[in-house]
Protein backbone atom coordinates (compact mmCIF):
# COMPACT_ATOMS: atom_id res chain seq x y z
CA MET A 1 84.40 128.00 83.32
CA GLU A 2 83.28 125.43 85.92
CA ASP A 3 86.32 126.29 88.05
CA ARG A 4 84.82 129.77 88.47
CA LEU A 5 81.34 128.56 89.38
CA ASP A 6 80.20 128.45 92.98
CA SER A 7 78.79 125.29 94.50
CA SER A 8 75.27 126.03 93.21
CA GLY A 9 76.56 126.55 89.69
CA GLN A 10 78.56 123.35 89.77
CA ARG A 11 75.57 121.44 91.08
CA LEU A 12 73.26 122.90 88.44
CA ALA A 13 75.73 122.09 85.67
CA GLY A 14 75.83 118.51 86.97
CA LEU A 15 72.03 118.30 86.97
CA LEU A 16 71.89 119.63 83.39
CA LYS A 17 74.43 117.02 82.36
CA ALA A 18 72.53 114.23 84.15
CA GLY A 19 69.17 115.33 82.72
CA ASP A 20 67.63 115.72 86.20
CA PHE A 21 64.93 118.30 85.43
CA ASP A 22 63.09 118.12 88.77
CA SER A 23 66.22 118.73 90.86
CA ALA A 24 67.36 121.55 88.56
CA GLN A 25 63.92 123.13 88.76
CA ALA A 26 63.96 122.91 92.55
CA LEU A 27 67.44 124.47 92.69
CA LEU A 28 66.43 127.40 90.46
CA ARG A 29 63.02 128.02 92.02
CA SER A 30 64.61 129.76 95.00
CA ASN A 31 65.95 132.50 92.72
CA LEU A 32 62.67 133.79 91.23
CA LYS A 33 59.04 134.22 92.20
CA GLY A 34 55.66 134.37 90.51
CA ARG A 35 55.43 134.89 86.76
CA ALA A 36 59.18 134.97 86.24
CA ARG A 37 59.53 131.58 87.96
CA SER A 38 57.02 129.87 85.64
CA LEU A 39 58.70 131.43 82.59
CA GLN A 40 62.05 130.20 83.82
CA ASP A 41 60.56 126.70 84.00
CA ASP A 42 59.57 127.02 80.33
CA VAL A 43 63.15 127.83 79.36
CA LEU A 44 64.52 125.03 81.52
CA LEU A 45 62.16 122.46 80.00
CA VAL A 46 63.28 123.28 76.45
CA LEU A 47 66.88 123.35 77.63
CA PHE A 48 66.57 119.75 78.84
CA LYS A 49 64.87 118.67 75.62
CA SER A 50 67.49 120.36 73.45
CA PRO A 51 70.61 120.82 75.60
CA PRO A 52 73.72 122.81 74.66
CA PRO A 53 77.10 121.13 74.12
CA GLU A 54 78.50 119.58 77.30
CA THR A 55 81.37 122.07 77.30
CA ALA A 56 78.85 124.94 77.60
CA LEU A 57 76.86 123.53 80.55
CA GLY A 58 78.86 125.47 83.12
CA SER A 59 78.35 128.76 81.31
CA VAL A 60 74.64 128.07 80.82
CA ALA A 61 74.24 127.17 84.51
CA GLU A 62 75.91 130.42 85.52
CA ALA A 63 73.56 132.40 83.23
CA LEU A 64 70.49 130.68 84.70
CA LEU A 65 71.59 131.47 88.25
CA ARG A 66 72.19 135.14 87.33
CA LEU A 67 68.78 135.52 85.62
CA ALA A 68 67.07 138.80 86.51
CA PRO A 69 63.26 138.53 86.87
CA ASP A 70 62.38 141.03 84.12
CA ALA A 71 62.17 141.23 80.33
CA SER A 72 65.73 142.47 79.95
CA GLY A 73 66.97 139.62 82.13
CA PHE A 74 65.30 136.99 79.94
CA SER A 75 66.55 138.70 76.79
CA THR A 76 70.11 138.65 78.15
CA LEU A 77 69.68 134.97 79.04
CA ALA A 78 68.50 134.32 75.47
CA GLU A 79 71.60 135.93 73.99
CA HIS A 80 73.78 133.84 76.30
CA LEU A 81 71.96 130.64 75.36
CA GLU A 82 72.23 131.47 71.66
CA ALA A 83 75.97 132.04 72.00
CA ASN A 84 76.37 128.69 73.78
CA GLY A 85 74.55 126.53 71.25
CA ALA A 86 71.09 126.37 72.85
CA ALA A 87 69.13 128.05 70.05
CA LEU A 88 65.68 126.62 70.88
CA ALA A 89 65.96 127.58 74.55
CA ALA A 90 67.14 131.04 73.44
CA GLN A 91 63.97 131.50 71.38
CA VAL A 92 61.85 130.49 74.36
CA ALA A 93 63.72 132.96 76.58
CA GLN A 94 63.00 135.75 74.06
CA ARG A 95 59.34 134.73 74.06
CA CYS A 96 59.37 134.98 77.85
CA ALA A 97 60.90 138.47 77.58
CA ALA A 98 58.12 139.44 75.16
CA GLU A 99 55.45 138.17 77.56
CA LEU A 100 56.91 140.24 80.38
CA ASP A 101 57.06 143.24 78.00
CA PHE A 102 53.40 142.75 77.18
CA ASP A 103 52.42 142.31 80.84
CA ALA A 104 54.05 145.66 81.61
CA HIS A 105 53.05 147.56 78.43
CA PRO A 106 50.29 145.98 76.31
CA ALA A 107 50.45 148.83 73.76
CA MET A 108 54.09 149.89 73.64
CA ASP A 109 54.86 152.83 71.31
CA VAL A 110 58.61 153.39 71.36
CA TRP A 111 58.57 155.70 68.32
CA GLY A 112 55.53 157.68 69.43
CA GLY A 113 52.85 155.56 67.77
CA ALA A 114 51.96 154.35 64.29
CA PHE A 115 54.26 155.51 61.48
CA ASN A 116 56.71 156.97 64.04
CA GLY A 117 53.97 159.14 65.50
CA GLN A 118 53.73 161.11 62.20
CA GLU A 119 50.16 162.27 61.65
CA ARG A 120 50.68 163.40 58.04
CA ARG A 121 52.23 160.03 57.20
CA GLN A 122 49.13 158.35 58.62
CA THR A 123 46.92 160.57 56.45
CA LEU A 124 49.09 159.77 53.41
CA PHE A 125 48.72 156.05 54.08
CA ASP A 126 44.94 156.42 54.31
CA GLN A 127 44.92 158.34 51.00
CA LEU A 128 46.89 155.63 49.26
CA LEU A 129 44.50 152.94 50.46
CA GLN A 130 41.46 154.87 49.34
CA GLU A 131 42.59 156.38 46.05
CA LEU A 132 44.50 153.38 44.72
CA LYS A 133 41.84 150.84 45.75
CA ILE A 134 44.31 148.80 47.75
CA VAL A 135 43.05 145.31 48.66
CA THR A 136 46.02 143.98 50.63
CA ILE A 137 48.67 145.41 52.96
CA VAL A 138 52.09 143.80 53.38
CA GLU A 139 54.51 145.02 56.05
CA THR A 140 58.11 144.01 56.61
CA GLY A 141 59.43 144.82 60.07
CA THR A 142 56.52 144.55 62.52
CA PHE A 143 58.68 145.70 65.44
CA GLN A 144 56.19 146.16 68.33
CA GLY A 145 53.07 146.28 66.18
CA SER A 146 51.91 149.88 66.61
CA THR A 147 51.93 150.59 62.84
CA THR A 148 50.48 147.12 62.12
CA ASP A 149 47.64 147.84 64.52
CA TYR A 150 46.92 151.11 62.70
CA MET A 151 46.98 149.41 59.28
CA ALA A 152 44.60 146.71 60.43
CA LYS A 153 41.90 149.26 61.22
CA ALA A 154 41.33 149.65 57.48
CA GLY A 155 39.77 146.18 57.54
CA LEU A 156 42.02 144.83 54.78
CA PRO A 157 44.17 141.68 55.09
CA VAL A 158 47.51 142.62 56.66
CA PHE A 159 50.52 140.35 56.20
CA SER A 160 53.47 141.28 58.42
CA CYS A 161 56.80 139.72 59.33
CA GLU A 162 59.33 140.29 62.10
CA LEU A 163 62.71 138.58 62.32
CA ARG A 164 63.58 139.27 65.95
CA THR A 165 62.01 136.73 68.29
CA ARG A 166 61.25 139.10 71.15
CA TYR A 167 59.48 141.65 68.93
CA PHE A 168 57.63 138.92 67.04
CA HIS A 169 56.16 137.39 70.21
CA TYR A 170 55.30 140.79 71.65
CA SER A 171 53.48 141.77 68.46
CA SER A 172 51.74 138.39 68.39
CA LEU A 173 50.32 139.08 71.84
CA ARG A 174 49.41 142.65 70.97
CA LEU A 175 47.68 141.76 67.71
CA ALA A 176 46.23 138.42 68.79
CA ASN A 177 42.62 139.66 68.76
CA ILE A 178 42.79 141.30 65.32
CA PRO A 179 41.56 138.65 62.86
CA ASN A 180 42.76 140.31 59.64
CA VAL A 181 46.44 140.36 60.71
CA ARG A 182 48.68 137.46 59.70
CA LEU A 183 52.00 137.73 61.49
CA GLU A 184 55.05 135.58 60.79
CA ARG A 185 58.54 135.36 62.23
CA ALA A 186 60.78 135.40 59.17
CA ASP A 187 63.44 137.24 57.24
CA SER A 188 61.63 139.76 55.05
CA ARG A 189 63.15 138.46 51.80
CA ARG A 190 62.05 134.90 52.51
CA PHE A 191 58.68 136.15 53.71
CA LEU A 192 58.01 137.97 50.42
CA ARG A 193 59.19 135.03 48.29
CA GLU A 194 56.86 132.65 50.13
CA LEU A 195 53.92 135.05 49.77
CA PHE A 196 54.44 135.10 46.01
CA ASP A 197 55.38 131.43 45.62
CA GLU A 198 52.32 130.28 47.54
CA ASN A 199 50.06 132.89 45.89
CA ARG A 200 48.72 133.92 49.29
CA LEU A 201 47.86 137.51 48.37
CA PRO A 202 44.40 138.22 47.01
CA PRO A 203 44.27 139.69 43.48
CA GLY A 204 44.35 143.45 43.18
CA PRO A 205 46.63 146.34 44.20
CA ALA A 206 48.75 145.71 47.27
CA LEU A 207 50.50 148.30 49.43
CA PHE A 208 53.93 147.16 50.67
CA TYR A 209 55.25 149.04 53.68
CA LEU A 210 58.97 148.31 54.01
CA ASP A 211 60.54 148.90 57.42
CA ALA A 212 62.72 145.82 58.06
CA HIS A 213 66.04 147.63 57.70
CA TRP A 214 68.04 147.80 60.90
CA GLU A 215 71.70 147.96 61.84
CA HIS A 216 73.95 145.63 59.80
CA ASP A 217 71.35 143.97 57.59
CA LEU A 218 69.73 145.95 54.78
CA PRO A 219 67.26 143.78 52.85
CA LEU A 220 65.52 146.80 51.30
CA TRP A 221 66.99 146.65 47.80
CA GLU A 222 66.22 142.94 47.45
CA GLU A 223 62.72 143.50 48.81
CA ILE A 224 61.98 146.14 46.15
CA ASP A 225 63.26 143.98 43.29
CA GLU A 226 61.32 140.97 44.58
CA ILE A 227 58.09 142.97 44.81
CA PHE A 228 58.26 144.65 41.41
CA SER A 229 59.35 141.47 39.67
CA ARG A 230 56.71 139.21 41.25
CA HIS A 231 53.59 141.26 41.98
CA PRO A 232 51.46 142.66 39.12
CA SER A 233 50.20 145.81 40.87
CA PRO A 234 52.33 146.88 43.81
CA VAL A 235 52.68 150.20 45.57
CA VAL A 236 55.70 150.44 47.86
CA MET A 237 56.22 152.86 50.75
CA VAL A 238 59.73 152.86 52.26
CA ASP A 239 60.17 154.27 55.76
CA ASP A 240 63.31 156.15 56.86
CA PHE A 241 64.12 157.23 53.27
CA ARG A 242 66.03 160.40 52.41
CA VAL A 243 63.84 163.07 50.84
CA PRO A 244 65.91 164.97 48.19
CA THR A 245 63.82 168.13 48.46
CA ASP A 246 63.76 168.46 52.27
CA SER A 247 66.77 167.77 54.48
CA GLY A 248 64.58 168.16 57.56
CA PHE A 249 63.29 164.62 57.19
CA ALA A 250 65.47 162.09 59.04
CA TYR A 251 66.66 158.92 57.31
CA ASP A 252 68.77 155.82 57.90
CA ASN A 253 72.38 155.60 56.83
CA TYR A 254 74.28 152.40 57.64
CA GLY A 255 77.43 153.21 55.69
CA LYS A 256 78.67 152.99 52.11
CA GLY A 257 75.95 151.63 49.82
CA LYS A 258 73.54 151.35 52.77
CA CYS A 259 72.12 154.84 52.90
CA LEU A 260 68.39 154.88 52.17
CA SER A 261 68.65 157.35 49.30
CA VAL A 262 67.75 157.73 45.62
CA THR A 263 71.38 157.30 44.64
CA ASN A 264 71.75 153.93 46.36
CA LEU A 265 68.27 152.86 45.24
CA HIS A 266 69.22 153.53 41.63
CA GLU A 267 72.52 151.67 41.96
CA ALA A 268 71.19 148.63 43.84
CA VAL A 269 67.73 148.03 42.37
CA THR A 270 66.93 146.66 38.92
CA ALA A 271 63.35 147.92 38.87
CA ARG A 272 62.72 151.49 37.70
CA PRO A 273 59.45 152.55 39.31
CA SER A 274 58.23 156.13 39.57
CA MET A 275 59.24 157.90 42.76
CA PHE A 276 56.98 160.07 44.90
CA PHE A 277 57.97 162.06 47.97
CA PRO A 278 56.03 163.97 50.67
CA LYS A 279 54.82 167.33 49.41
CA HIS A 280 54.47 168.77 52.89
CA ALA A 281 57.47 170.23 54.66
CA SER A 282 59.18 168.35 57.41
CA ALA A 283 58.48 171.26 59.74
CA ASP A 284 54.74 170.56 59.34
CA GLU A 285 55.11 166.90 60.33
CA THR A 286 54.72 165.52 63.85
CA GLY A 287 56.46 162.70 65.69
CA ALA A 288 59.90 161.52 64.63
CA ARG A 289 59.74 163.27 61.22
CA ARG A 290 61.23 160.39 59.30
CA GLY A 291 61.36 160.61 55.50
CA CYS A 292 59.72 158.20 53.07
CA VAL A 293 59.38 157.41 49.37
CA VAL A 294 56.45 155.87 47.53
CA LEU A 295 57.24 153.71 44.50
CA ALA A 296 54.72 152.71 41.84
CA GLN A 297 54.61 151.88 38.16
CA GLY A 298 52.08 151.71 35.34
CA ASP A 299 48.50 152.65 36.12
CA LEU A 300 49.13 152.83 39.84
CA ALA A 301 51.87 155.40 39.26
CA ASP A 302 49.43 157.40 37.14
CA TYR A 303 46.71 157.15 39.82
CA THR A 304 49.20 158.27 42.44
CA ARG A 305 50.17 161.23 40.29
CA ARG A 306 46.57 162.33 39.83
CA LYS A 307 44.78 161.25 43.00
CA VAL A 308 47.23 161.56 45.88
CA PRO A 309 47.83 165.27 46.45
CA MET A 310 50.09 164.71 49.44
CA LEU A 311 52.83 163.35 47.16
CA THR A 312 55.01 165.00 44.56
CA GLU A 313 56.76 163.05 41.83
CA LEU A 314 60.42 163.38 40.95
CA SER A 315 61.86 161.92 37.79
CA LEU A 316 64.85 159.66 38.22
CA SER A 317 67.23 162.26 36.76
CA ASP A 318 65.81 165.08 38.88
CA ALA A 319 65.79 162.89 41.97
CA LEU A 320 69.41 161.85 41.37
CA VAL A 321 70.49 165.46 40.78
CA LEU A 322 68.62 166.74 43.83
CA ASP A 323 69.85 163.83 45.90
CA GLY A 324 73.42 164.50 44.73
CA VAL A 325 73.02 168.23 45.32
CA GLY A 326 71.54 167.49 48.70
CA GLU A 327 74.41 165.12 49.44
CA LEU A 328 76.91 167.80 48.40
CA ARG A 329 75.03 170.35 50.46
CA ARG A 330 75.02 168.00 53.42
CA GLU A 331 78.73 167.33 52.90
CA ARG A 332 79.39 171.06 52.75
CA GLU A 333 77.21 171.60 55.79
CA LEU A 334 79.07 168.79 57.45
CA GLU A 335 82.38 170.37 56.41
CA ARG A 336 81.21 173.74 57.70
CA SER A 337 79.95 172.08 60.82
CA VAL A 338 83.27 170.30 61.22
CA ALA A 339 85.14 173.54 60.47
CA ASP A 340 82.98 175.42 62.97
CA GLU A 341 83.46 172.68 65.49
CA LEU A 342 87.21 172.73 64.85
CA GLN A 343 87.20 176.52 65.22
CA GLN A 344 85.26 176.20 68.45
CA ILE A 345 87.61 173.46 69.59
CA ARG A 346 90.59 175.66 68.66
CA ALA A 347 89.08 178.64 70.49
CA ARG A 348 88.31 176.46 73.50
CA SER A 349 91.80 175.02 73.26
CA GLU A 350 93.39 178.45 73.15
CA ALA A 351 91.24 179.61 76.03
CA GLN A 352 92.13 176.47 77.91
CA GLN A 353 95.80 177.02 77.10
CA ALA A 354 95.55 180.57 78.39
CA ASP A 355 93.78 179.34 81.49
CA LEU A 356 96.37 176.61 81.86
CA ALA A 357 99.20 179.14 81.43
CA GLY A 358 97.66 181.33 84.15
CA GLU A 359 97.09 178.31 86.34
CA LEU A 360 100.65 177.16 85.62
CA GLN A 361 102.01 180.57 86.64
CA GLN A 362 99.92 180.52 89.79
CA THR A 363 100.96 176.95 90.42
CA ARG A 364 104.62 177.86 89.92
CA ALA A 365 104.28 180.78 92.34
CA ARG A 366 102.50 178.57 94.86
CA SER A 367 105.14 175.91 94.29
CA GLU A 368 107.98 178.36 94.91
CA ALA A 369 106.29 179.65 98.06
CA GLN A 370 105.66 176.09 99.19
CA GLN A 371 109.29 175.24 98.39
CA ALA A 372 110.50 178.15 100.50
CA ASP A 373 108.22 177.06 103.32
CA LEU A 374 109.51 173.53 102.98
CA LEU A 375 113.14 174.70 103.08
CA ALA A 376 112.43 176.70 106.22
CA LYS A 377 110.66 173.71 107.73
CA ILE A 378 113.61 171.50 106.74
CA ALA A 379 116.04 173.92 108.43
CA ARG A 380 113.91 173.95 111.57
CA LEU A 381 113.66 170.20 111.48
CA GLU A 382 117.43 169.84 111.02
CA LEU A 383 118.00 172.18 114.02
CA ARG A 384 115.51 170.22 116.03
CA ALA A 385 117.17 166.99 114.92
CA HIS A 386 120.57 168.36 116.08
CA GLU A 387 119.08 169.34 119.43
CA LEU A 388 117.52 165.94 119.77
CA SER A 389 120.81 164.30 118.79
CA SER A 390 122.65 166.30 121.51
CA ALA A 391 119.98 165.41 124.02
CA VAL A 392 120.28 161.78 123.05
CA ALA A 393 124.09 161.95 123.43
CA ARG A 394 123.73 163.53 126.90
CA ALA A 395 121.18 160.94 127.85
CA GLU A 396 123.47 158.18 126.64
CA PHE A 397 126.40 159.64 128.66
CA ILE A 398 124.26 159.89 131.79
CA GLN A 399 123.05 156.35 131.15
CA GLN A 400 126.64 155.13 130.83
CA GLN A 401 127.58 156.94 134.11
CA ARG A 402 124.65 155.39 135.83
CA GLU A 403 125.54 151.99 134.46
CA LEU A 404 129.17 152.48 135.69
CA GLU A 405 127.94 153.58 139.14
CA ALA A 406 125.62 150.62 139.20
CA GLU A 407 128.50 148.31 138.31
CA ASN A 408 130.68 149.85 141.07
CA ALA A 409 127.82 149.52 143.50
CA LYS A 410 127.49 145.87 142.52
CA ARG A 411 131.19 145.34 143.15
CA ASP A 412 131.00 147.20 146.54
CA ALA A 413 128.00 145.14 147.48
CA ALA A 414 129.85 141.95 146.56
CA THR A 415 132.85 143.06 148.67
CA ALA A 416 130.54 143.95 151.56
CA ARG A 417 128.82 140.59 151.24
CA GLU A 418 132.22 138.89 151.33
CA ALA A 419 133.23 140.94 154.45
CA VAL A 420 129.97 140.12 156.16
CA THR A 421 130.47 136.47 155.33
CA GLY A 422 133.99 136.63 156.81
CA LEU A 423 132.69 138.33 159.98
CA GLN A 424 129.93 135.79 160.25
CA ASN A 425 132.49 132.99 159.96
CA LEU A 426 134.71 134.68 162.58
CA VAL A 427 131.80 135.05 164.95
CA LEU A 428 130.99 131.40 164.43
CA ARG A 429 134.54 130.42 165.19
CA LEU A 430 134.56 132.64 168.29
CA HIS A 431 131.32 131.07 169.40
CA GLU A 432 132.84 127.66 168.88
CA GLU A 433 135.97 128.67 170.74
CA LEU A 434 133.93 130.18 173.54
CA ARG A 435 131.79 127.11 173.73
CA SER A 436 134.96 124.96 173.85
CA GLY A 437 136.52 127.23 176.57
CA ARG A 438 133.42 126.92 178.73
CA THR A 439 133.60 123.14 178.54
CA GLU A 440 137.25 123.11 179.63
CA THR A 441 136.53 125.50 182.54
CA GLN A 442 133.71 123.33 183.78
CA GLU A 443 135.98 120.27 183.72
CA THR A 444 138.66 122.14 185.64
CA LEU A 445 136.15 123.26 188.27
CA ARG A 446 134.87 119.72 188.55
CA GLN A 447 138.41 118.48 189.05
CA VAL A 448 139.05 121.24 191.62
CA ALA A 449 135.87 120.29 193.41
CA GLU A 450 136.85 116.66 193.40
CA LEU A 451 140.32 117.59 194.75
CA GLN A 452 138.73 119.76 197.41
CA HIS A 453 136.32 116.99 198.34
CA SER A 454 139.12 114.50 198.43
CA ARG A 455 141.18 116.89 200.54
CA TRP A 456 138.32 117.44 202.91
CA ARG A 457 137.77 113.75 203.12
CA ARG A 458 141.40 113.22 204.07
CA ILE A 459 141.23 116.08 206.52
CA GLY A 460 138.12 114.56 208.01
CA LEU A 461 139.78 111.18 208.19
CA LEU A 462 142.81 112.66 209.85
CA LEU A 463 140.61 114.50 212.30
CA GLY A 464 138.87 111.30 213.06
CA LEU A 465 142.06 109.50 213.63
CA ALA A 466 143.28 112.34 215.83
CA ARG A 467 140.10 112.22 217.92
CA LYS A 468 140.37 108.49 218.23
CA ALA A 469 144.03 108.76 219.26
CA SER A 470 143.17 111.43 221.73
CA PHE A 471 140.43 109.35 223.19
CA GLU A 472 142.58 106.36 223.38
CA ARG A 473 145.07 108.34 225.30
């Protein structure tokens, strides 16, 4: 993992390993601001006190650097920390997410309010408290505390538990100023056992509101057995339960043996309390219209029968028959629904096939036309290619002729240069010969002049001698 971290991630992983809280805090502070930054410091502090395995430091560092400054970001960080062996830091991160949830929405009502926003359910709850002289309320599955808040307004002690850390801390903040609420983070089965083991409930009838079922875990059947085997005068209301007489009420079904129904209740629970269901129709309910069942035995069952007009009792056999009939009806409705859906799918499929056949025919026609166009284009391109090929051949021939002419011109030029060189050499020789001839001529003239001078000197001498001889005579 560390190979994939950037330099900041590698540095942070090293600081976590070295236990250098101040440097790690300084490195992370640049990522967040305000409230989110201080909450991040809380997570980091616990992370240093209870670090993950050394092999997970790189992954944890990467998660811290990617932390988004909102509730979802801290919740995602918590899941990452939990998966990497930092359970305590994960719980703190979920608490931080809850605080950000509360800052944004101090009275969050995801399901529309108390009891799923169902006004008749609220009235039924009030009737049970009043007519059965309830002295204590116990709730499993606080979630975000909207139903707990409603219950607390009766002024009775309310004991509630929530397993998920984020919801527990949010509810703790929401219900912090309500003195009669005692909220714990615990599995509902352990929570009920401890209530009974420690004798924490005041004497008298207690109303147990069971709503801790969610996803894979279904503690409901164990909760019911624990309550009826340990408490002397319980009344139990189960949320999200299937109502055999009205399929309009929604219910939870988590698979085989985990459907909240009379059939599974009978198979999974040892206790055999009386069963009461809403008398009003689901169409007259508000909110999410979730079903419920009220379970009681002994005097409290009798009081419920006589004093709570909003409920109707079903014997176990009737409830099982109606539940089975309802299940069969639902299966048949499901089969009809599936058959209708299949018929619709078949009709859509046939229509789509017809559309596809028409489209295919049109596509084939377009394809054939396009093919013909392509063939014509190919023929034109081939003709054009032939013309270009001929033009290229002509150009190559002309180029070759020009190259041949150029070569001949080069040879002629070389021959001319050689002739010029020969002429130049001849001229030079002639100049040399001329220069040599001039020298010889000048020498001859000089010799002639010398001969003439010598001749004249002899003539002069002879003339002198003749004069002298003549004079002497």
